[in-house]
Amino acid sequence: MKQQICTITKYILFALLTFNFTACKQQEEKTLTFAIASDFHAQDVPDGKERIEAFIKAAKDNNVDFIIELGDFIRLDSASIPYLNVWNSFTGDKYHVIGNHDMDRYSPEEYVKGRNMPGRYYSFDKGDFHFIVLDGNNLYDGKKYTHYSKANYYVDAKKRAFVDPEQLEWLKKDLEATDKKCILFSHQSIEKAINNKEAVRRILEDENKRAGFKKVVLAFSGHNHSNYTEEINGITYMQMNSASYVWIGEPTQTEKRYPEEINKKYGILQYSMTYTQPLYAIVSLNSKGAKVKGTKADFTPPTPKDLNMKDSIDIFPLVSVIEDADIKF
């Protein structure tokens, strides 16, 4: 009898240990996934609709929890409805970030309403993570801040790309109000392109110190049509390449790239280089880190190499890729 009780006890203990191990393993392996892309400029390239379609297909195939685009997306006019219909074919949650070129024809109020955004900056929770969307589309003339509106931002570069004081105060309070790990999205990069980037990063770093753990872990941005990953004071900043092209700023022999009628219809092609495939990434998150599965393309010839160009434009790598990344929290 004692032997039977002992045997039963062993089985119970083994079952409990197995259950606990399995439960812990399941909890450890629980992931949150999202699809991310930036700078489609879909109405400005000949295959813009197909690029959005490829992104949405990848999001569906990977069964992601949400999708997000980091600005410079499509216009609000009737001609953009086919692009928007493709975007809306993803039935899950969808998020937008305001890009500078989204303000070429609209006021921020018009754009926020047209995209059904909660605001020009906002936050949301998914699983164990807190996500923050910032708006760096502000002018500052040394006295006052003015939001980009209907192409008013074509001024001295030192006077644009600011996060306004009201938003900075909101960011500080929003971070303090959550105990989840935080991930940021912005159009302009917090590590390079935002002109008051030090003020933004100080808030993020101060919150990590105040919280006593690595709370703000990762920030994604677009705008620069490039790709790189950089860590600053414990926070990883990842630049997402354009889904469509890189702006060169000078003629690129596009007459060899597209027929005359296409070049006439899409004016930016003269000063740009398109990618042969759309670029985007699938991001998987858990408590230990983020795995970014990127995409690769070639430059539509003539390529930078064909034109004897350097491997960067200013400080930004000239690449047709979003590299995979394994980011530890």
Protein backbone atom coordinates (compact mmCIF):
# COMPACT_ATOMS: atom_id res chain seq x y z
CA MET A 1 0.00 0.00 0.00
CA LYS A 2 2.76 2.41 0.97
CA GLN A 3 4.56 1.54 -2.26
CA GLN A 4 1.41 2.32 -4.27
CA ILE A 5 0.97 5.70 -2.53
CA CYS A 6 4.63 6.48 -3.13
CA THR A 7 4.29 5.58 -6.81
CA ILE A 8 1.12 7.69 -7.19
CA THR A 9 2.82 10.60 -5.44
CA LYS A 10 5.75 10.36 -7.86
CA TYR A 11 3.37 10.41 -10.82
CA ILE A 12 1.57 13.46 -9.42
CA LEU A 13 4.82 15.30 -8.81
CA PHE A 14 6.05 14.41 -12.29
CA ALA A 15 2.77 15.61 -13.83
CA LEU A 16 2.92 18.87 -11.90
CA LEU A 17 6.52 19.49 -12.90
CA THR A 18 5.74 18.66 -16.52
CA PHE A 19 2.71 20.97 -16.48
CA ASN A 20 4.69 23.82 -14.94
CA PHE A 21 7.53 23.37 -17.43
CA THR A 22 5.10 23.27 -20.37
CA ALA A 23 3.20 26.32 -19.11
CA CYS A 24 6.41 28.28 -18.64
CA LYS A 25 7.64 27.23 -22.07
CA GLN A 26 4.37 28.28 -23.69
CA GLN A 27 4.47 31.61 -21.91
CA GLU A 28 8.09 32.12 -22.93
CA GLU A 29 7.33 31.35 -26.58
CA LYS A 30 4.26 33.59 -26.79
CA THR A 31 4.88 36.15 -29.51
CA LEU A 32 3.24 39.26 -30.92
CA THR A 33 3.74 39.92 -34.62
CA PHE A 34 3.19 42.90 -36.87
CA ALA A 35 3.96 43.92 -40.44
CA ILE A 36 5.68 47.27 -40.97
CA ALA A 37 6.46 49.34 -44.05
CA SER A 38 7.30 52.94 -44.79
CA ASP A 39 7.31 55.50 -47.58
CA PHE A 40 5.16 53.70 -50.13
CA HIS A 41 4.59 56.97 -52.04
CA ALA A 42 2.17 54.68 -53.83
CA GLN A 43 0.65 57.27 -56.15
CA ASP A 44 4.14 58.41 -57.25
CA VAL A 45 5.47 55.13 -58.63
CA PRO A 46 4.03 53.05 -61.50
CA ASP A 47 3.47 49.91 -59.41
CA GLY A 48 2.40 51.51 -56.13
CA LYS A 49 -0.79 49.47 -55.83
CA GLU A 50 1.09 46.21 -56.41
CA ARG A 51 3.57 47.14 -53.68
CA ILE A 52 0.77 47.63 -51.15
CA GLU A 53 -0.77 44.35 -52.31
CA ALA A 54 2.50 42.50 -51.65
CA PHE A 55 2.71 44.00 -48.16
CA ILE A 56 -0.87 43.05 -47.30
CA LYS A 57 -0.38 39.52 -48.65
CA ALA A 58 2.71 39.09 -46.46
CA ALA A 59 0.77 40.36 -43.44
CA LYS A 60 -2.03 37.88 -44.07
CA ASP A 61 0.33 34.99 -44.81
CA ASN A 62 2.15 35.61 -41.53
CA ASN A 63 -1.12 36.01 -39.59
CA VAL A 64 0.16 39.21 -37.95
CA ASP A 65 -1.63 40.91 -35.08
CA PHE A 66 -1.57 44.32 -36.77
CA ILE A 67 -0.05 46.33 -39.60
CA ILE A 68 1.51 49.80 -39.56
CA GLU A 69 2.92 52.20 -42.14
CA LEU A 70 5.36 54.92 -41.13
CA GLY A 71 4.13 57.78 -43.31
CA ASP A 72 4.35 59.12 -46.88
CA PHE A 73 1.65 56.62 -47.78
CA ILE A 74 -1.08 57.70 -50.22
CA ARG A 75 -3.23 60.77 -50.73
CA LEU A 76 -6.83 61.20 -49.56
CA ASP A 77 -8.25 61.91 -53.03
CA SER A 78 -10.60 59.69 -55.03
CA ALA A 79 -7.72 58.50 -57.23
CA SER A 80 -6.19 56.86 -54.16
CA ILE A 81 -9.28 54.78 -53.31
CA PRO A 82 -7.95 51.64 -55.10
CA TYR A 83 -4.79 51.82 -52.96
CA LEU A 84 -6.81 52.31 -49.79
CA ASN A 85 -9.08 49.39 -50.65
CA VAL A 86 -6.04 47.12 -50.78
CA TRP A 87 -4.88 48.41 -47.40
CA ASN A 88 -8.32 47.88 -45.89
CA SER A 89 -8.46 44.30 -47.18
CA PHE A 90 -6.44 43.45 -44.08
CA THR A 91 -9.22 42.88 -41.56
CA GLY A 92 -7.08 43.24 -38.42
CA ASP A 93 -5.93 46.42 -36.71
CA LYS A 94 -4.25 49.00 -38.93
CA TYR A 95 -2.18 52.00 -37.86
CA HIS A 96 -0.77 55.08 -39.57
CA VAL A 97 2.04 57.56 -38.88
CA ILE A 98 2.01 61.04 -40.41
CA GLY A 99 4.82 61.61 -42.90
CA ASN A 100 6.02 64.96 -44.19
CA HIS A 101 4.68 64.33 -47.71
CA ASP A 102 1.30 63.42 -46.25
CA MET A 103 1.16 67.15 -45.48
CA ASP A 104 1.82 68.25 -49.08
CA ARG A 105 -1.90 68.76 -49.79
CA TYR A 106 -3.61 68.52 -46.41
CA SER A 107 -3.77 70.04 -42.97
CA PRO A 108 -3.03 67.68 -40.05
CA GLU A 109 -6.70 67.81 -39.05
CA GLU A 110 -7.78 66.74 -42.54
CA TYR A 111 -5.26 63.94 -42.68
CA VAL A 112 -6.00 62.56 -39.21
CA LYS A 113 -9.71 62.49 -40.02
CA GLY A 114 -9.15 61.01 -43.48
CA ARG A 115 -7.04 58.16 -42.06
CA ASN A 116 -9.32 57.59 -39.04
CA MET A 117 -6.35 58.12 -36.73
CA PRO A 118 -6.89 58.74 -32.99
CA GLY A 119 -4.73 61.86 -33.32
CA ARG A 120 -1.54 63.08 -34.90
CA TYR A 121 0.26 61.23 -32.08
CA TYR A 122 -1.20 58.44 -29.97
CA SER A 123 -0.48 55.13 -28.24
CA PHE A 124 -2.02 51.68 -27.99
CA ASP A 125 -1.45 48.38 -26.19
CA LYS A 126 -1.06 44.94 -27.72
CA GLY A 127 -0.29 41.96 -25.52
CA ASP A 128 2.62 42.74 -23.23
CA PHE A 129 3.72 45.80 -25.22
CA HIS A 130 2.87 49.49 -25.31
CA PHE A 131 3.23 51.15 -28.73
CA ILE A 132 3.70 54.88 -29.23
CA VAL A 133 3.20 56.80 -32.49
CA LEU A 134 4.99 60.16 -32.66
CA ASP A 135 4.57 63.13 -34.99
CA GLY A 136 7.79 64.90 -35.97
CA ASN A 137 6.16 67.11 -38.58
CA ASN A 138 6.54 70.49 -36.91
CA LEU A 139 8.30 73.71 -37.88
CA TYR A 140 10.13 75.79 -35.28
CA ASP A 141 11.36 79.29 -36.10
CA GLY A 142 12.98 79.92 -32.73
CA LYS A 143 9.78 81.37 -31.27
CA LYS A 144 6.82 79.17 -32.07
CA TYR A 145 5.96 75.70 -33.36
CA THR A 146 3.77 75.29 -36.43
CA HIS A 147 2.58 71.98 -37.81
CA TYR A 148 3.28 71.04 -41.40
CA SER A 149 0.23 71.88 -43.48
CA LYS A 150 -0.33 72.04 -47.24
CA ALA A 151 3.38 72.09 -48.16
CA ASN A 152 4.40 74.91 -45.79
CA TYR A 153 7.46 72.95 -44.67
CA TYR A 154 9.69 73.58 -47.69
CA VAL A 155 11.97 75.87 -45.70
CA ASP A 156 15.43 75.76 -44.15
CA ALA A 157 16.04 72.17 -42.95
CA LYS A 158 17.09 73.48 -39.53
CA LYS A 159 13.58 74.86 -38.99
CA ARG A 160 11.66 71.65 -39.65
CA ALA A 161 11.22 68.12 -38.24
CA PHE A 162 10.53 68.94 -34.59
CA VAL A 163 8.47 67.20 -31.92
CA ASP A 164 6.47 70.01 -30.30
CA PRO A 165 6.54 70.71 -26.52
CA GLU A 166 2.92 69.65 -26.02
CA GLN A 167 3.73 66.27 -27.53
CA LEU A 168 6.91 65.90 -25.48
CA GLU A 169 4.92 66.44 -22.29
CA TRP A 170 2.32 63.93 -23.45
CA LEU A 171 5.09 61.41 -24.25
CA LYS A 172 6.55 61.72 -20.77
CA LYS A 173 3.18 61.12 -19.11
CA ASP A 174 2.23 58.33 -21.51
CA LEU A 175 5.44 56.43 -20.72
CA GLU A 176 4.99 56.85 -16.99
CA ALA A 177 1.43 55.52 -17.16
CA THR A 178 2.37 52.05 -18.43
CA ASP A 179 4.40 49.21 -16.95
CA LYS A 180 4.72 47.44 -20.31
CA LYS A 181 7.77 47.42 -22.56
CA CYS A 182 7.51 50.31 -25.02
CA ILE A 183 8.12 50.49 -28.77
CA LEU A 184 7.97 53.72 -30.76
CA PHE A 185 7.04 54.53 -34.33
CA SER A 186 7.85 57.82 -36.08
CA HIS A 187 8.31 59.01 -39.64
CA GLN A 188 11.52 60.97 -39.05
CA SER A 189 14.21 59.09 -37.15
CA ILE A 190 14.67 59.90 -33.46
CA GLU A 191 18.39 59.16 -33.66
CA LYS A 192 19.17 61.36 -36.71
CA ALA A 193 16.42 63.27 -38.53
CA ILE A 194 14.32 64.93 -35.81
CA ASN A 195 15.92 68.26 -35.03
CA ASN A 196 15.20 68.12 -31.28
CA LYS A 197 16.09 64.43 -31.15
CA GLU A 198 18.14 64.88 -27.96
CA ALA A 199 15.05 66.12 -26.09
CA VAL A 200 13.02 63.12 -27.28
CA ARG A 201 15.74 60.60 -26.43
CA ARG A 202 16.26 62.19 -23.02
CA ILE A 203 12.63 61.47 -22.15
CA LEU A 204 13.00 57.84 -23.26
CA GLU A 205 16.25 57.33 -21.37
CA ASP A 206 14.99 59.10 -18.24
CA GLU A 207 11.94 56.85 -18.19
CA ASN A 208 14.15 53.77 -18.30
CA LYS A 209 16.07 55.10 -15.31
CA ARG A 210 12.89 56.04 -13.43
CA ALA A 211 11.27 52.66 -14.10
CA GLY A 212 14.37 50.79 -13.01
CA PHE A 213 14.31 48.42 -15.97
CA LYS A 214 14.74 48.46 -19.75
CA LYS A 215 11.25 49.75 -20.47
CA VAL A 216 11.72 51.66 -23.73
CA VAL A 217 13.39 49.09 -25.95
CA LEU A 218 12.96 49.88 -29.63
CA ALA A 219 12.06 52.66 -32.08
CA PHE A 220 11.22 52.31 -35.78
CA SER A 221 11.33 55.15 -38.30
CA GLY A 222 11.24 55.80 -42.05
CA HIS A 223 11.72 59.00 -44.08
CA ASN A 224 15.38 58.50 -45.04
CA HIS A 225 14.73 55.71 -47.60
CA SER A 226 17.60 53.72 -46.13
CA ASN A 227 18.21 50.87 -43.71
CA TYR A 228 20.38 50.52 -40.61
CA THR A 229 20.13 49.60 -36.94
CA GLU A 230 21.78 51.62 -34.19
CA GLU A 231 21.79 51.35 -30.41
CA ILE A 232 22.04 54.50 -28.29
CA ASN A 233 22.15 54.26 -24.49
CA GLY A 234 20.44 50.87 -24.43
CA ILE A 235 17.63 51.70 -26.90
CA THR A 236 17.66 50.26 -30.43
CA TYR A 237 16.73 52.50 -33.35
CA MET A 238 15.89 50.85 -36.66
CA GLN A 239 15.54 52.75 -39.92
CA MET A 240 13.00 51.13 -42.27
CA ASN A 241 13.75 51.55 -45.96
CA SER A 242 11.13 52.87 -48.36
CA ALA A 243 8.81 50.25 -49.79
CA SER A 244 9.36 51.74 -53.23
CA TYR A 245 12.45 53.81 -54.04
CA VAL A 246 15.33 56.00 -52.94
CA TRP A 247 15.48 59.70 -53.74
CA ILE A 248 18.81 60.60 -55.39
CA GLY A 249 18.17 64.27 -56.05
CA GLU A 250 19.77 64.35 -59.48
CA PRO A 251 19.05 62.66 -62.84
CA THR A 252 19.44 58.87 -62.71
CA GLN A 253 19.12 57.91 -66.40
CA THR A 254 15.56 56.79 -65.80
CA GLU A 255 14.94 56.97 -69.55
CA LYS A 256 16.74 53.60 -69.54
CA ARG A 257 14.57 52.40 -66.67
CA TYR A 258 11.05 53.17 -67.87
CA PRO A 259 9.35 54.11 -71.15
CA GLU A 260 8.75 57.78 -71.91
CA GLU A 261 5.04 57.77 -71.00
CA ILE A 262 5.79 56.35 -67.53
CA ASN A 263 8.53 58.89 -66.84
CA LYS A 264 6.21 61.72 -67.87
CA LYS A 265 3.40 60.46 -65.65
CA TYR A 266 5.55 59.92 -62.54
CA GLY A 267 7.81 62.94 -62.19
CA ILE A 268 9.85 61.72 -59.22
CA LEU A 269 11.36 58.90 -61.29
CA GLN A 270 13.79 61.29 -62.95
CA TYR A 271 15.57 61.87 -59.63
CA SER A 272 15.02 58.48 -58.00
CA MET A 273 15.88 54.80 -58.18
CA THR A 274 13.10 52.29 -57.69
CA TYR A 275 13.47 48.85 -56.10
CA THR A 276 12.61 45.74 -58.11
CA GLN A 277 10.54 44.39 -55.19
CA PRO A 278 8.59 46.12 -52.39
CA LEU A 279 10.43 46.36 -49.07
CA TYR A 280 8.76 45.69 -45.72
CA ALA A 281 9.37 43.63 -42.58
CA ILE A 282 7.59 41.19 -40.30
CA VAL A 283 8.44 41.78 -36.64
CA SER A 284 8.02 39.13 -33.93
CA LEU A 285 8.13 40.23 -30.29
CA ASN A 286 8.41 38.49 -26.96
CA SER A 287 9.76 39.50 -23.58
CA LYS A 288 13.33 38.71 -24.61
CA GLY A 289 13.53 40.65 -27.84
CA ALA A 290 12.43 41.34 -31.40
CA LYS A 291 13.15 39.38 -34.54
CA VAL A 292 12.86 41.46 -37.68
CA LYS A 293 12.44 39.52 -40.91
CA GLY A 294 13.20 41.95 -43.70
CA THR A 295 13.00 41.82 -47.48
CA LYS A 296 15.55 42.28 -50.22
CA ALA A 297 15.39 43.71 -53.71
CA ASP A 298 17.69 45.01 -56.41
CA PHE A 299 17.80 48.49 -57.85
CA THR A 300 15.94 48.74 -61.14
CA PRO A 301 18.82 49.31 -63.59
CA PRO A 302 20.71 51.50 -64.19
CA THR A 303 21.86 50.78 -60.64
CA PRO A 304 24.05 52.96 -58.40
CA LYS A 305 26.99 50.79 -59.45
CA ASP A 306 26.15 51.34 -63.11
CA LEU A 307 26.24 55.09 -62.48
CA ASN A 308 29.48 54.93 -60.44
CA MET A 309 27.76 56.23 -57.33
CA LYS A 310 29.00 55.97 -53.76
CA ASP A 311 27.47 53.48 -51.34
CA SER A 312 25.71 56.18 -49.33
CA ILE A 313 23.80 59.43 -49.74
CA ASP A 314 25.12 61.81 -47.11
CA ILE A 315 25.14 59.69 -43.93
CA PHE A 316 22.53 57.18 -45.11
CA PRO A 317 23.45 53.82 -46.71
CA LEU A 318 22.34 53.53 -50.33
CA VAL A 319 20.75 50.07 -50.21
CA SER A 320 17.76 48.22 -51.65
CA VAL A 321 17.06 46.08 -48.60
CA ILE A 322 15.61 45.88 -45.11
CA GLU A 323 18.05 43.62 -43.30
CA ASP A 324 17.01 40.94 -40.84
CA ALA A 325 17.71 41.90 -37.24
CA ASP A 326 17.76 40.06 -33.92
CA ILE A 327 17.31 42.65 -31.17
CA LYS A 328 17.74 41.66 -27.54
CA PHE A 329 15.76 43.43 -24.82
